[in-house]
Amino acid sequence: MTFVFLGLFIVLLGLVVAASLRKPNKLIKLSIHVLGGIVGLWLVDLLLSVFAVEIPINVFTVSLVAILGFPGVIVLTALQLIGI
């Protein structure tokens, strides 16, 4: 699973570089938004695992983060810390 997220991170970096070199179209902007949220979920989950707090990565959480982006990661983290 880690290799999947690492691959998505590399794709995200490539899209960000491509967007900075020329004017990005809407598809590239949307891809950066979605991948940024998914990779952000993985990174936050990885960092919180040090404190024994885990955000379950499943279809619901990935879909929520894909729609909301990184603010969705913050919402999921807050809900997990509250215990909901």
PDB file of N, CA and C in Angstrom:
ATOM      1  N   MET A   1       0.821  -1.186   0.000  1.00  0.00           N
ATOM      2  CA  MET A   1       0.000   0.000   0.000  1.00  0.00           C
ATOM      3  C   MET A   1       0.870   1.258   0.000  1.00  0.00           C
ATOM      4  N   THR A   2       1.985   1.184   0.701  1.00  0.00           N
ATOM      5  CA  THR A   2       2.876   2.335   0.759  1.00  0.00           C
ATOM      6  C   THR A   2       3.437   2.663  -0.616  1.00  0.00           C
ATOM      7  N   PHE A   3       3.725   1.639  -1.405  1.00  0.00           N
ATOM      8  CA  PHE A   3       4.262   1.877  -2.744  1.00  0.00           C
ATOM      9  C   PHE A   3       3.236   2.557  -3.647  1.00  0.00           C
ATOM     10  N   VAL A   4       1.966   2.254  -3.442  1.00  0.00           N
ATOM     11  CA  VAL A   4       0.911   2.906  -4.224  1.00  0.00           C
ATOM     12  C   VAL A   4       0.895   4.400  -3.918  1.00  0.00           C
ATOM     13  N   PHE A   5       0.919   4.745  -2.625  1.00  0.00           N
ATOM     14  CA  PHE A   5       0.896   6.153  -2.247  1.00  0.00           C
ATOM     15  C   PHE A   5       2.186   6.859  -2.635  1.00  0.00           C
ATOM     16  N   LEU A   6       3.299   6.153  -2.583  1.00  0.00           N
ATOM     17  CA  LEU A   6       4.562   6.731  -3.024  1.00  0.00           C
ATOM     18  C   LEU A   6       4.523   7.020  -4.525  1.00  0.00           C
ATOM     19  N   GLY A   7       3.931   6.114  -5.293  1.00  0.00           N
ATOM     20  CA  GLY A   7       3.765   6.339  -6.726  1.00  0.00           C
ATOM     21  C   GLY A   7       2.855   7.523  -7.008  1.00  0.00           C
ATOM     22  N   LEU A   8       1.768   7.647  -6.235  1.00  0.00           N
ATOM     23  CA  LEU A   8       0.872   8.795  -6.399  1.00  0.00           C
ATOM     24  C   LEU A   8       1.580  10.098  -6.047  1.00  0.00           C
ATOM     25  N   PHE A   9       2.462  10.047  -5.054  1.00  0.00           N
ATOM     26  CA  PHE A   9       3.235  11.229  -4.671  1.00  0.00           C
ATOM     27  C   PHE A   9       4.163  11.665  -5.799  1.00  0.00           C
ATOM     28  N   ILE A  10       4.784  10.700  -6.455  1.00  0.00           N
ATOM     29  CA  ILE A  10       5.668  11.016  -7.579  1.00  0.00           C
ATOM     30  C   ILE A  10       4.870  11.606  -8.741  1.00  0.00           C
ATOM     31  N   VAL A  11       3.689  11.051  -9.003  1.00  0.00           N
ATOM     32  CA  VAL A  11       2.819  11.608 -10.049  1.00  0.00           C
ATOM     33  C   VAL A  11       2.404  13.032  -9.684  1.00  0.00           C
ATOM     34  N   LEU A  12       2.082  13.249  -8.410  1.00  0.00           N
ATOM     35  CA  LEU A  12       1.710  14.589  -7.949  1.00  0.00           C
ATOM     36  C   LEU A  12       2.850  15.576  -8.157  1.00  0.00           C
ATOM     37  N   LEU A  13       4.066  15.179  -7.822  1.00  0.00           N
ATOM     38  CA  LEU A  13       5.214  16.058  -8.038  1.00  0.00           C
ATOM     39  C   LEU A  13       5.386  16.388  -9.517  1.00  0.00           C
ATOM     40  N   GLY A  14       5.204  15.393 -10.374  1.00  0.00           N
ATOM     41  CA  GLY A  14       5.300  15.630 -11.813  1.00  0.00           C
ATOM     42  C   GLY A  14       4.245  16.604 -12.309  1.00  0.00           C
ATOM     43  N   LEU A  15       3.027  16.477 -11.802  1.00  0.00           N
ATOM     44  CA  LEU A  15       1.956  17.391 -12.202  1.00  0.00           C
ATOM     45  C   LEU A  15       2.215  18.814 -11.715  1.00  0.00           C
ATOM     46  N   VAL A  16       2.748  18.937 -10.508  1.00  0.00           N
ATOM     47  CA  VAL A  16       3.053  20.270  -9.982  1.00  0.00           C
ATOM     48  C   VAL A  16       4.152  20.928 -10.807  1.00  0.00           C
ATOM     49  N   VAL A  17       5.164  20.155 -11.175  1.00  0.00           N
ATOM     50  CA  VAL A  17       6.239  20.698 -12.016  1.00  0.00           C
ATOM     51  C   VAL A  17       5.691  21.094 -13.383  1.00  0.00           C
ATOM     52  N   ALA A  18       4.853  20.244 -13.964  1.00  0.00           N
ATOM     53  CA  ALA A  18       4.268  20.558 -15.272  1.00  0.00           C
ATOM     54  C   ALA A  18       3.378  21.796 -15.194  1.00  0.00           C
ATOM     55  N   ALA A  19       2.655  21.941 -14.085  1.00  0.00           N
ATOM     56  CA  ALA A  19       1.780  23.102 -13.930  1.00  0.00           C
ATOM     57  C   ALA A  19       2.574  24.381 -13.719  1.00  0.00           C
ATOM     58  N   SER A  20       3.748  24.265 -13.128  1.00  0.00           N
ATOM     59  CA  SER A  20       4.540  25.475 -12.895  1.00  0.00           C
ATOM     60  C   SER A  20       5.303  25.912 -14.148  1.00  0.00           C
ATOM     61  N   LEU A  21       5.551  24.988 -15.059  1.00  0.00           N
ATOM     62  CA  LEU A  21       6.292  25.335 -16.269  1.00  0.00           C
ATOM     63  C   LEU A  21       5.420  25.977 -17.340  1.00  0.00           C
ATOM     64  N   ARG A  22       4.150  25.620 -17.359  1.00  0.00           N
ATOM     65  CA  ARG A  22       3.240  26.203 -18.340  1.00  0.00           C
ATOM     66  C   ARG A  22       1.879  26.393 -17.691  1.00  0.00           C
ATOM     67  N   LYS A  23       0.993  27.054 -18.381  1.00  0.00           N
ATOM     68  CA  LYS A  23      -0.326  27.306 -17.817  1.00  0.00           C
ATOM     69  C   LYS A  23      -1.104  25.990 -17.734  1.00  0.00           C
ATOM     70  N   PRO A  24      -1.513  25.599 -16.521  1.00  0.00           N
ATOM     71  CA  PRO A  24      -2.217  24.317 -16.384  1.00  0.00           C
ATOM     72  C   PRO A  24      -3.676  24.425 -16.834  1.00  0.00           C
ATOM     73  N   ASN A  25      -4.160  23.333 -17.408  1.00  0.00           N
ATOM     74  CA  ASN A  25      -5.574  23.301 -17.764  1.00  0.00           C
ATOM     75  C   ASN A  25      -6.374  22.779 -16.571  1.00  0.00           C
ATOM     76  N   LYS A  26      -7.672  22.700 -16.723  1.00  0.00           N
ATOM     77  CA  LYS A  26      -8.531  22.319 -15.603  1.00  0.00           C
ATOM     78  C   LYS A  26      -8.302  20.877 -15.149  1.00  0.00           C
ATOM     79  N   LEU A  27      -7.957  19.991 -16.078  1.00  0.00           N
ATOM     80  CA  LEU A  27      -7.720  18.598 -15.716  1.00  0.00           C
ATOM     81  C   LEU A  27      -6.486  18.466 -14.824  1.00  0.00           C
ATOM     82  N   ILE A  28      -5.442  19.207 -15.134  1.00  0.00           N
ATOM     83  CA  ILE A  28      -4.234  19.153 -14.309  1.00  0.00           C
ATOM     84  C   ILE A  28      -4.512  19.749 -12.932  1.00  0.00           C
ATOM     85  N   LYS A  29      -5.262  20.844 -12.875  1.00  0.00           N
ATOM     86  CA  LYS A  29      -5.616  21.444 -11.588  1.00  0.00           C
ATOM     87  C   LYS A  29      -6.443  20.481 -10.739  1.00  0.00           C
ATOM     88  N   LEU A  30      -7.407  19.816 -11.364  1.00  0.00           N
ATOM     89  CA  LEU A  30      -8.239  18.853 -10.652  1.00  0.00           C
ATOM     90  C   LEU A  30      -7.409  17.669 -10.176  1.00  0.00           C
ATOM     91  N   SER A  31      -6.498  17.196 -11.015  1.00  0.00           N
ATOM     92  CA  SER A  31      -5.639  16.072 -10.637  1.00  0.00           C
ATOM     93  C   SER A  31      -4.737  16.438  -9.467  1.00  0.00           C
ATOM     94  N   ILE A  32      -4.201  17.654  -9.479  1.00  0.00           N
ATOM     95  CA  ILE A  32      -3.362  18.103  -8.363  1.00  0.00           C
ATOM     96  C   ILE A  32      -4.182  18.182  -7.084  1.00  0.00           C
ATOM     97  N   HIS A  33      -5.412  18.672  -7.181  1.00  0.00           N
ATOM     98  CA  HIS A  33      -6.291  18.777  -6.016  1.00  0.00           C
ATOM     99  C   HIS A  33      -6.594  17.396  -5.429  1.00  0.00           C
ATOM    100  N   VAL A  34      -6.982  16.468  -6.273  1.00  0.00           N
ATOM    101  CA  VAL A  34      -7.349  15.125  -5.815  1.00  0.00           C
ATOM    102  C   VAL A  34      -6.128  14.387  -5.271  1.00  0.00           C
ATOM    103  N   LEU A  35      -5.043  14.382  -6.033  1.00  0.00           N
ATOM    104  CA  LEU A  35      -3.848  13.669  -5.585  1.00  0.00           C
ATOM    105  C   LEU A  35      -3.231  14.315  -4.354  1.00  0.00           C
ATOM    106  N   GLY A  36      -3.312  15.637  -4.252  1.00  0.00           N
ATOM    107  CA  GLY A  36      -2.801  16.318  -3.065  1.00  0.00           C
ATOM    108  C   GLY A  36      -3.540  15.887  -1.812  1.00  0.00           C
ATOM    109  N   GLY A  37      -4.839  15.736  -1.913  1.00  0.00           N
ATOM    110  CA  GLY A  37      -5.614  15.270  -0.769  1.00  0.00           C
ATOM    111  C   GLY A  37      -5.306  13.833  -0.404  1.00  0.00           C
ATOM    112  N   ILE A  38      -5.200  12.969  -1.400  1.00  0.00           N
ATOM    113  CA  ILE A  38      -4.934  11.553  -1.132  1.00  0.00           C
ATOM    114  C   ILE A  38      -3.538  11.361  -0.556  1.00  0.00           C
ATOM    115  N   VAL A  39      -2.549  12.028  -1.132  1.00  0.00           N
ATOM    116  CA  VAL A  39      -1.184  11.930  -0.610  1.00  0.00           C
ATOM    117  C   VAL A  39      -1.107  12.582   0.768  1.00  0.00           C
ATOM    118  N   GLY A  40      -1.850  13.675   0.972  1.00  0.00           N
ATOM    119  CA  GLY A  40      -1.897  14.305   2.290  1.00  0.00           C
ATOM    120  C   GLY A  40      -2.485  13.374   3.335  1.00  0.00           C
ATOM    121  N   LEU A  41      -3.512  12.618   2.969  1.00  0.00           N
ATOM    122  CA  LEU A  41      -4.094  11.634   3.883  1.00  0.00           C
ATOM    123  C   LEU A  41      -3.061  10.596   4.278  1.00  0.00           C
ATOM    124  N   TRP A  42      -2.312  10.124   3.312  1.00  0.00           N
ATOM    125  CA  TRP A  42      -1.279   9.132   3.590  1.00  0.00           C
ATOM    126  C   TRP A  42      -0.199   9.707   4.506  1.00  0.00           C
ATOM    127  N   LEU A  43       0.256  10.931   4.229  1.00  0.00           N
ATOM    128  CA  LEU A  43       1.308  11.535   5.042  1.00  0.00           C
ATOM    129  C   LEU A  43       0.843  11.800   6.472  1.00  0.00           C
ATOM    130  N   VAL A  44      -0.376  12.304   6.629  1.00  0.00           N
ATOM    131  CA  VAL A  44      -0.905  12.553   7.973  1.00  0.00           C
ATOM    132  C   VAL A  44      -1.082  11.240   8.719  1.00  0.00           C
ATOM    133  N   ASP A  45      -1.564  10.216   8.042  1.00  0.00           N
ATOM    134  CA  ASP A  45      -1.704   8.906   8.675  1.00  0.00           C
ATOM    135  C   ASP A  45      -0.343   8.358   9.088  1.00  0.00           C
ATOM    136  N   LEU A  46       0.654   8.556   8.251  1.00  0.00           N
ATOM    137  CA  LEU A  46       2.006   8.103   8.567  1.00  0.00           C
ATOM    138  C   LEU A  46       2.569   8.852   9.771  1.00  0.00           C
ATOM    139  N   LEU A  47       2.359  10.155   9.824  1.00  0.00           N
ATOM    140  CA  LEU A  47       2.862  10.946  10.949  1.00  0.00           C
ATOM    141  C   LEU A  47       2.101  10.662  12.241  1.00  0.00           C
ATOM    142  N   LEU A  48       0.798  10.451  12.156  1.00  0.00           N
ATOM    143  CA  LEU A  48       0.017  10.167  13.355  1.00  0.00           C
ATOM    144  C   LEU A  48       0.248   8.759  13.885  1.00  0.00           C
ATOM    145  N   SER A  49       0.760   7.865  13.064  1.00  0.00           N
ATOM    146  CA  SER A  49       1.026   6.504  13.540  1.00  0.00           C
ATOM    147  C   SER A  49       2.117   6.494  14.603  1.00  0.00           C
ATOM    148  N   VAL A  50       2.946   7.534  14.651  1.00  0.00           N
ATOM    149  CA  VAL A  50       3.956   7.652  15.705  1.00  0.00           C
ATOM    150  C   VAL A  50       3.276   7.797  17.065  1.00  0.00           C
ATOM    151  N   PHE A  51       2.121   8.454  17.098  1.00  0.00           N
ATOM    152  CA  PHE A  51       1.378   8.675  18.333  1.00  0.00           C
ATOM    153  C   PHE A  51       0.265   7.648  18.537  1.00  0.00           C
ATOM    154  N   ALA A  52       0.294   6.570  17.792  1.00  0.00           N
ATOM    155  CA  ALA A  52      -0.683   5.477  17.867  1.00  0.00           C
ATOM    156  C   ALA A  52      -2.096   5.950  17.517  1.00  0.00           C
ATOM    157  N   VAL A  53      -2.205   6.924  16.646  1.00  0.00           N
ATOM    158  CA  VAL A  53      -3.492   7.381  16.126  1.00  0.00           C
ATOM    159  C   VAL A  53      -3.485   7.088  14.636  1.00  0.00           C
ATOM    160  N   GLU A  54      -4.469   6.327  14.191  1.00  0.00           N
ATOM    161  CA  GLU A  54      -4.516   5.955  12.780  1.00  0.00           C
ATOM    162  C   GLU A  54      -5.833   6.393  12.164  1.00  0.00           C
ATOM    163  N   ILE A  55      -5.739   6.939  10.977  1.00  0.00           N
ATOM    164  CA  ILE A  55      -6.924   7.251  10.187  1.00  0.00           C
ATOM    165  C   ILE A  55      -7.130   6.072   9.242  1.00  0.00           C
ATOM    166  N   PRO A  56      -8.273   5.405   9.333  1.00  0.00           N
ATOM    167  CA  PRO A  56      -8.480   4.268   8.435  1.00  0.00           C
ATOM    168  C   PRO A  56      -8.546   4.729   6.979  1.00  0.00           C
ATOM    169  N   ILE A  57      -7.762   4.085   6.150  1.00  0.00           N
ATOM    170  CA  ILE A  57      -7.764   4.420   4.725  1.00  0.00           C
ATOM    171  C   ILE A  57      -8.628   3.384   4.016  1.00  0.00           C
ATOM    172  N   ASN A  58      -9.820   3.816   3.625  1.00  0.00           N
ATOM    173  CA  ASN A  58     -10.751   2.947   2.915  1.00  0.00           C
ATOM    174  C   ASN A  58     -11.422   3.755   1.806  1.00  0.00           C
ATOM    175  N   VAL A  59     -12.393   3.182   1.177  1.00  0.00           N
ATOM    176  CA  VAL A  59     -13.051   3.839   0.043  1.00  0.00           C
ATOM    177  C   VAL A  59     -13.717   5.145   0.475  1.00  0.00           C
ATOM    178  N   PHE A  60     -14.333   5.147   1.650  1.00  0.00           N
ATOM    179  CA  PHE A  60     -15.021   6.352   2.122  1.00  0.00           C
ATOM    180  C   PHE A  60     -14.043   7.493   2.374  1.00  0.00           C
ATOM    181  N   THR A  61     -12.962   7.220   3.099  1.00  0.00           N
ATOM    182  CA  THR A  61     -12.023   8.292   3.430  1.00  0.00           C
ATOM    183  C   THR A  61     -11.300   8.808   2.187  1.00  0.00           C
ATOM    184  N   VAL A  62     -10.930   7.913   1.294  1.00  0.00           N
ATOM    185  CA  VAL A  62     -10.259   8.351   0.064  1.00  0.00           C
ATOM    186  C   VAL A  62     -11.223   9.161  -0.803  1.00  0.00           C
ATOM    187  N   SER A  63     -12.490   8.758  -0.870  1.00  0.00           N
ATOM    188  CA  SER A  63     -13.478   9.520  -1.649  1.00  0.00           C
ATOM    189  C   SER A  63     -13.710  10.903  -1.044  1.00  0.00           C
ATOM    190  N   LEU A  64     -13.804  10.960   0.282  1.00  0.00           N
ATOM    191  CA  LEU A  64     -13.998  12.239   0.956  1.00  0.00           C
ATOM    192  C   LEU A  64     -12.825  13.177   0.710  1.00  0.00           C
ATOM    193  N   VAL A  65     -11.627  12.640   0.802  1.00  0.00           N
ATOM    194  CA  VAL A  65     -10.433  13.453   0.591  1.00  0.00           C
ATOM    195  C   VAL A  65     -10.289  13.834  -0.883  1.00  0.00           C
ATOM    196  N   ALA A  66     -10.705  12.962  -1.788  1.00  0.00           N
ATOM    197  CA  ALA A  66     -10.639  13.293  -3.215  1.00  0.00           C
ATOM    198  C   ALA A  66     -11.584  14.442  -3.552  1.00  0.00           C
ATOM    199  N   ILE A  67     -12.717  14.513  -2.870  1.00  0.00           N
ATOM    200  CA  ILE A  67     -13.669  15.589  -3.127  1.00  0.00           C
ATOM    201  C   ILE A  67     -13.252  16.880  -2.425  1.00  0.00           C
ATOM    202  N   LEU A  68     -12.879  16.778  -1.151  1.00  0.00           N
ATOM    203  CA  LEU A  68     -12.584  17.976  -0.365  1.00  0.00           C
ATOM    204  C   LEU A  68     -11.129  18.425  -0.438  1.00  0.00           C
ATOM    205  N   GLY A  69     -10.236  17.537  -0.819  1.00  0.00           N
ATOM    206  CA  GLY A  69      -8.819  17.888  -0.851  1.00  0.00           C
ATOM    207  C   GLY A  69      -8.211  17.826   0.540  1.00  0.00           C
ATOM    208  N   PHE A  70      -7.196  18.655   0.773  1.00  0.00           N
ATOM    209  CA  PHE A  70      -6.510  18.611   2.063  1.00  0.00           C
ATOM    210  C   PHE A  70      -7.399  19.038   3.238  1.00  0.00           C
ATOM    211  N   PRO A  71      -8.377  19.944   3.068  1.00  0.00           N
ATOM    212  CA  PRO A  71      -9.296  20.206   4.182  1.00  0.00           C
ATOM    213  C   PRO A  71     -10.046  18.947   4.640  1.00  0.00           C
ATOM    214  N   GLY A  72     -10.287  18.017   3.742  1.00  0.00           N
ATOM    215  CA  GLY A  72     -10.890  16.743   4.127  1.00  0.00           C
ATOM    216  C   GLY A  72      -9.976  15.941   5.033  1.00  0.00           C
ATOM    217  N   VAL A  73      -8.676  16.034   4.799  1.00  0.00           N
ATOM    218  CA  VAL A  73      -7.705  15.363   5.668  1.00  0.00           C
ATOM    219  C   VAL A  73      -7.766  15.962   7.065  1.00  0.00           C
ATOM    220  N   ILE A  74      -7.874  17.277   7.142  1.00  0.00           N
ATOM    221  CA  ILE A  74      -7.954  17.942   8.445  1.00  0.00           C
ATOM    222  C   ILE A  74      -9.227  17.532   9.178  1.00  0.00           C
ATOM    223  N   VAL A  75     -10.343  17.453   8.453  1.00  0.00           N
ATOM    224  CA  VAL A  75     -11.608  17.030   9.063  1.00  0.00           C
ATOM    225  C   VAL A  75     -11.503  15.596   9.573  1.00  0.00           C
ATOM    226  N   LEU A  76     -10.954  14.697   8.769  1.00  0.00           N
ATOM    227  CA  LEU A  76     -10.808  13.306   9.202  1.00  0.00           C
ATOM    228  C   LEU A  76      -9.882  13.191  10.406  1.00  0.00           C
ATOM    229  N   THR A  77      -8.812  13.976  10.432  1.00  0.00           N
ATOM    230  CA  THR A  77      -7.890  13.956  11.566  1.00  0.00           C
ATOM    231  C   THR A  77      -8.585  14.450  12.829  1.00  0.00           C
ATOM    232  N   ALA A  78      -9.344  15.530  12.713  1.00  0.00           N
ATOM    233  CA  ALA A  78     -10.065  16.053  13.873  1.00  0.00           C
ATOM    234  C   ALA A  78     -11.088  15.041  14.380  1.00  0.00           C
ATOM    235  N   LEU A  79     -11.819  14.407  13.477  1.00  0.00           N
ATOM    236  CA  LEU A  79     -12.799  13.401  13.888  1.00  0.00           C
ATOM    237  C   LEU A  79     -12.126  12.210  14.561  1.00  0.00           C
ATOM    238  N   GLN A  80     -10.967  11.819  14.075  1.00  0.00           N
ATOM    239  CA  GLN A  80     -10.257  10.688  14.667  1.00  0.00           C
ATOM    240  C   GLN A  80      -9.726  11.054  16.050  1.00  0.00           C
ATOM    241  N   LEU A  81      -9.229  12.276  16.208  1.00  0.00           N
ATOM    242  CA  LEU A  81      -8.708  12.699  17.507  1.00  0.00           C
ATOM    243  C   LEU A  81      -9.824  12.868  18.534  1.00  0.00           C
ATOM    244  N   ILE A  82     -11.006  13.316  18.082  1.00  0.00           N
ATOM    245  CA  ILE A  82     -12.153  13.439  18.982  1.00  0.00           C
ATOM    246  C   ILE A  82     -12.676  12.059  19.361  1.00  0.00           C
ATOM    247  N   GLY A  83     -12.564  11.123  18.453  1.00  0.00           N
ATOM    248  CA  GLY A  83     -13.013   9.767  18.730  1.00  0.00           C
ATOM    249  C   GLY A  83     -14.335   9.427  18.089  1.00  0.00           C
ATOM    250  N   ILE A  84     -14.718  10.182  17.102  1.00  0.00           N
ATOM    251  CA  ILE A  84     -15.993   9.929  16.412  1.00  0.00           C
ATOM    252  C   ILE A  84     -15.765   8.955  15.287  1.00  0.00           C
TER     253      ILE A  84
END
